[in-house]
Amino acid sequence: MISSIQGLVDRKVNLKLGSKGVDVGVVQKFLNIYNGTSKRIDNDFGAGTVTLVKDFQKDIGLTADGEVGSTTLNKMINWLKNQK
């Protein structure tokens, strides 16, 4: 999971409402891990994903804009590293 998210950082991926594809799926998989859920990975950055991203951003002290760029991705990596 960490290497998948790092790949998004390395490619300077920015995801937001309306984004689609496997990059979105990586974020959705992280959100399932973070929230202890098993929501369907649909590779579609819809309203539900926005809400979950905002909740994560609030929890870790970022501005909750619901968009996923390098800052949010790096916080996801840090959170995962701290779970070990």
N, C-alpha and C. Protein backbone atom coordinates (compact mmCIF):
# COMPACT_ATOMS: atom_id res chain seq x y z
N MET A 1 0.82 -1.19 0.00
CA MET A 1 0.00 0.00 0.00
C MET A 1 0.87 1.26 0.00
N ILE A 2 1.91 1.26 0.84
CA ILE A 2 2.78 2.44 0.90
C ILE A 2 3.42 2.70 -0.46
N SER A 3 3.91 1.65 -1.10
CA SER A 3 4.56 1.85 -2.40
C SER A 3 3.57 2.33 -3.46
N SER A 4 2.33 1.89 -3.37
CA SER A 4 1.30 2.36 -4.32
C SER A 4 1.04 3.85 -4.14
N ILE A 5 0.93 4.27 -2.88
CA ILE A 5 0.70 5.70 -2.62
C ILE A 5 1.93 6.51 -3.01
N GLN A 6 3.13 5.99 -2.70
CA GLN A 6 4.36 6.69 -3.08
C GLN A 6 4.42 6.89 -4.59
N GLY A 7 3.95 5.91 -5.33
CA GLY A 7 3.90 6.04 -6.79
C GLY A 7 3.05 7.22 -7.23
N LEU A 8 1.95 7.46 -6.51
CA LEU A 8 1.10 8.62 -6.83
C LEU A 8 1.84 9.92 -6.54
N VAL A 9 2.57 9.95 -5.41
CA VAL A 9 3.36 11.13 -5.06
C VAL A 9 4.41 11.38 -6.13
N ASP A 10 5.12 10.32 -6.51
CA ASP A 10 6.20 10.44 -7.49
C ASP A 10 5.69 10.97 -8.83
N ARG A 11 4.48 10.59 -9.19
CA ARG A 11 3.89 11.05 -10.46
C ARG A 11 3.12 12.36 -10.31
N LYS A 12 3.17 12.95 -9.11
CA LYS A 12 2.52 14.24 -8.84
C LYS A 12 1.02 14.20 -9.18
N VAL A 13 0.39 13.09 -8.78
CA VAL A 13 -1.04 12.89 -9.04
C VAL A 13 -1.87 13.79 -8.13
N ASN A 14 -2.88 14.42 -8.70
CA ASN A 14 -3.87 15.18 -7.94
C ASN A 14 -5.24 14.63 -8.29
N LEU A 15 -5.99 14.25 -7.26
CA LEU A 15 -7.30 13.65 -7.46
C LEU A 15 -8.36 14.50 -6.77
N LYS A 16 -9.52 14.58 -7.40
CA LYS A 16 -10.63 15.36 -6.84
C LYS A 16 -11.94 14.80 -7.38
N LEU A 17 -13.03 15.40 -6.93
CA LEU A 17 -14.36 14.98 -7.37
C LEU A 17 -14.38 14.88 -8.89
N GLY A 18 -14.82 13.73 -9.38
CA GLY A 18 -14.88 13.50 -10.82
C GLY A 18 -13.71 12.73 -11.39
N SER A 19 -12.60 12.63 -10.62
CA SER A 19 -11.46 11.85 -11.09
C SER A 19 -11.85 10.37 -11.16
N LYS A 20 -11.25 9.66 -12.11
CA LYS A 20 -11.54 8.24 -12.27
C LYS A 20 -10.26 7.48 -12.56
N GLY A 21 -10.27 6.19 -12.27
CA GLY A 21 -9.14 5.35 -12.61
C GLY A 21 -8.52 4.64 -11.42
N VAL A 22 -7.50 3.85 -11.72
CA VAL A 22 -6.88 3.03 -10.68
C VAL A 22 -6.20 3.87 -9.59
N ASP A 23 -5.78 5.09 -9.92
CA ASP A 23 -5.20 5.96 -8.90
C ASP A 23 -6.23 6.26 -7.82
N VAL A 24 -7.47 6.49 -8.23
CA VAL A 24 -8.56 6.71 -7.27
C VAL A 24 -8.74 5.45 -6.42
N GLY A 25 -8.65 4.29 -7.06
CA GLY A 25 -8.77 3.03 -6.33
C GLY A 25 -7.73 2.88 -5.24
N VAL A 26 -6.52 3.35 -5.48
CA VAL A 26 -5.47 3.30 -4.46
C VAL A 26 -5.90 4.11 -3.24
N VAL A 27 -6.42 5.30 -3.47
CA VAL A 27 -6.89 6.15 -2.37
C VAL A 27 -8.07 5.49 -1.66
N GLN A 28 -8.99 4.92 -2.43
CA GLN A 28 -10.14 4.26 -1.81
C GLN A 28 -9.70 3.07 -0.96
N LYS A 29 -8.71 2.33 -1.42
CA LYS A 29 -8.20 1.20 -0.63
C LYS A 29 -7.60 1.72 0.67
N PHE A 30 -6.82 2.80 0.60
CA PHE A 30 -6.27 3.39 1.82
C PHE A 30 -7.39 3.78 2.77
N LEU A 31 -8.43 4.44 2.25
CA LEU A 31 -9.53 4.89 3.10
C LEU A 31 -10.22 3.71 3.78
N ASN A 32 -10.33 2.58 3.10
CA ASN A 32 -10.88 1.38 3.73
C ASN A 32 -10.00 0.92 4.88
N ILE A 33 -8.69 0.93 4.67
CA ILE A 33 -7.76 0.54 5.74
C ILE A 33 -7.88 1.52 6.90
N TYR A 34 -7.84 2.81 6.60
CA TYR A 34 -7.89 3.85 7.62
C TYR A 34 -9.16 3.75 8.45
N ASN A 35 -10.28 3.52 7.79
CA ASN A 35 -11.58 3.51 8.48
C ASN A 35 -12.00 2.12 8.94
N GLY A 36 -11.21 1.10 8.63
CA GLY A 36 -11.57 -0.26 9.01
C GLY A 36 -12.84 -0.73 8.33
N THR A 37 -13.01 -0.31 7.07
CA THR A 37 -14.21 -0.67 6.32
C THR A 37 -13.84 -1.50 5.10
N SER A 38 -14.85 -1.96 4.41
CA SER A 38 -14.61 -2.72 3.17
C SER A 38 -15.54 -2.21 2.07
N LYS A 39 -15.59 -0.89 1.95
CA LYS A 39 -16.42 -0.30 0.89
C LYS A 39 -15.87 -0.72 -0.48
N ARG A 40 -16.76 -0.77 -1.45
CA ARG A 40 -16.39 -1.19 -2.80
C ARG A 40 -15.39 -0.20 -3.42
N ILE A 41 -14.35 -0.73 -4.03
CA ILE A 41 -13.38 0.08 -4.76
C ILE A 41 -13.91 0.22 -6.18
N ASP A 42 -14.40 1.41 -6.52
CA ASP A 42 -15.00 1.59 -7.85
C ASP A 42 -14.18 2.50 -8.77
N ASN A 43 -13.02 2.97 -8.27
CA ASN A 43 -12.13 3.83 -9.07
C ASN A 43 -12.80 5.11 -9.54
N ASP A 44 -13.80 5.56 -8.79
CA ASP A 44 -14.56 6.77 -9.13
C ASP A 44 -14.56 7.69 -7.92
N PHE A 45 -13.97 8.86 -8.06
CA PHE A 45 -13.86 9.82 -6.96
C PHE A 45 -15.18 10.59 -6.89
N GLY A 46 -16.14 9.98 -6.23
CA GLY A 46 -17.47 10.58 -6.09
C GLY A 46 -17.63 11.27 -4.75
N ALA A 47 -18.87 11.63 -4.45
CA ALA A 47 -19.17 12.37 -3.22
C ALA A 47 -18.78 11.59 -1.97
N GLY A 48 -18.98 10.27 -1.98
CA GLY A 48 -18.61 9.47 -0.82
C GLY A 48 -17.12 9.49 -0.56
N THR A 49 -16.33 9.42 -1.61
CA THR A 49 -14.88 9.48 -1.47
C THR A 49 -14.45 10.86 -0.97
N VAL A 50 -15.08 11.91 -1.49
CA VAL A 50 -14.78 13.27 -1.02
C VAL A 50 -14.98 13.36 0.49
N THR A 51 -16.11 12.86 0.97
CA THR A 51 -16.42 12.93 2.40
C THR A 51 -15.38 12.19 3.22
N LEU A 52 -15.00 11.00 2.78
CA LEU A 52 -14.00 10.21 3.52
C LEU A 52 -12.63 10.88 3.50
N VAL A 53 -12.27 11.49 2.37
CA VAL A 53 -11.00 12.22 2.29
C VAL A 53 -11.03 13.41 3.24
N LYS A 54 -12.12 14.16 3.25
CA LYS A 54 -12.24 15.31 4.16
C LYS A 54 -12.11 14.86 5.61
N ASP A 55 -12.76 13.75 5.97
CA ASP A 55 -12.67 13.25 7.34
C ASP A 55 -11.22 12.91 7.69
N PHE A 56 -10.51 12.25 6.79
CA PHE A 56 -9.10 11.93 7.02
C PHE A 56 -8.29 13.21 7.18
N GLN A 57 -8.51 14.17 6.29
CA GLN A 57 -7.76 15.43 6.34
C GLN A 57 -8.00 16.15 7.67
N LYS A 58 -9.24 16.19 8.13
CA LYS A 58 -9.55 16.82 9.42
C LYS A 58 -8.83 16.10 10.54
N ASP A 59 -8.89 14.76 10.52
CA ASP A 59 -8.29 13.96 11.59
C ASP A 59 -6.80 14.21 11.73
N ILE A 60 -6.11 14.49 10.64
CA ILE A 60 -4.65 14.66 10.71
C ILE A 60 -4.21 16.12 10.68
N GLY A 61 -5.18 17.04 10.73
CA GLY A 61 -4.86 18.45 10.86
C GLY A 61 -4.62 19.20 9.56
N LEU A 62 -5.06 18.64 8.45
CA LEU A 62 -4.96 19.35 7.18
C LEU A 62 -6.24 20.12 6.90
N THR A 63 -6.15 21.09 6.01
CA THR A 63 -7.36 21.75 5.52
C THR A 63 -8.18 20.71 4.78
N ALA A 64 -9.44 20.57 5.18
CA ALA A 64 -10.30 19.53 4.60
C ALA A 64 -10.95 20.04 3.32
N ASP A 65 -10.21 19.90 2.21
CA ASP A 65 -10.75 20.35 0.92
C ASP A 65 -11.29 19.20 0.08
N GLY A 66 -11.07 17.97 0.53
CA GLY A 66 -11.59 16.81 -0.18
C GLY A 66 -10.81 16.43 -1.42
N GLU A 67 -9.69 17.11 -1.66
CA GLU A 67 -8.84 16.79 -2.81
C GLU A 67 -7.58 16.09 -2.31
N VAL A 68 -7.03 15.23 -3.16
CA VAL A 68 -5.86 14.44 -2.76
C VAL A 68 -4.68 14.82 -3.64
N GLY A 69 -3.73 15.52 -3.03
CA GLY A 69 -2.48 15.87 -3.69
C GLY A 69 -1.32 15.35 -2.86
N SER A 70 -0.13 15.86 -3.11
CA SER A 70 1.06 15.32 -2.46
C SER A 70 1.02 15.43 -0.93
N THR A 71 0.48 16.51 -0.39
CA THR A 71 0.44 16.66 1.07
C THR A 71 -0.43 15.59 1.70
N THR A 72 -1.63 15.41 1.17
CA THR A 72 -2.53 14.38 1.71
C THR A 72 -1.94 12.99 1.50
N LEU A 73 -1.38 12.74 0.32
CA LEU A 73 -0.78 11.43 0.05
C LEU A 73 0.36 11.12 1.01
N ASN A 74 1.21 12.11 1.28
CA ASN A 74 2.31 11.89 2.22
C ASN A 74 1.80 11.63 3.63
N LYS A 75 0.71 12.28 4.02
CA LYS A 75 0.10 12.02 5.33
C LYS A 75 -0.46 10.61 5.39
N MET A 76 -0.99 10.12 4.27
CA MET A 76 -1.47 8.74 4.22
C MET A 76 -0.31 7.77 4.43
N ILE A 77 0.81 8.04 3.77
CA ILE A 77 2.00 7.20 3.94
C ILE A 77 2.46 7.21 5.39
N ASN A 78 2.54 8.40 5.98
CA ASN A 78 2.98 8.51 7.38
C ASN A 78 2.06 7.74 8.31
N TRP A 79 0.75 7.85 8.07
CA TRP A 79 -0.21 7.13 8.91
C TRP A 79 0.02 5.62 8.81
N LEU A 80 0.20 5.13 7.59
CA LEU A 80 0.44 3.69 7.41
C LEU A 80 1.72 3.25 8.11
N LYS A 81 2.78 4.04 8.00
CA LYS A 81 4.05 3.69 8.64
C LYS A 81 3.89 3.60 10.15
N ASN A 82 3.05 4.45 10.72
CA ASN A 82 2.85 4.47 12.17
C ASN A 82 1.97 3.32 12.66
N GLN A 83 1.37 2.58 11.76
CA GLN A 83 0.51 1.45 12.16
C GLN A 83 1.30 0.18 12.40
N LYS A 84 2.57 0.18 12.03
CA LYS A 84 3.36 -1.05 12.14
C LYS A 84 3.99 -1.20 13.50
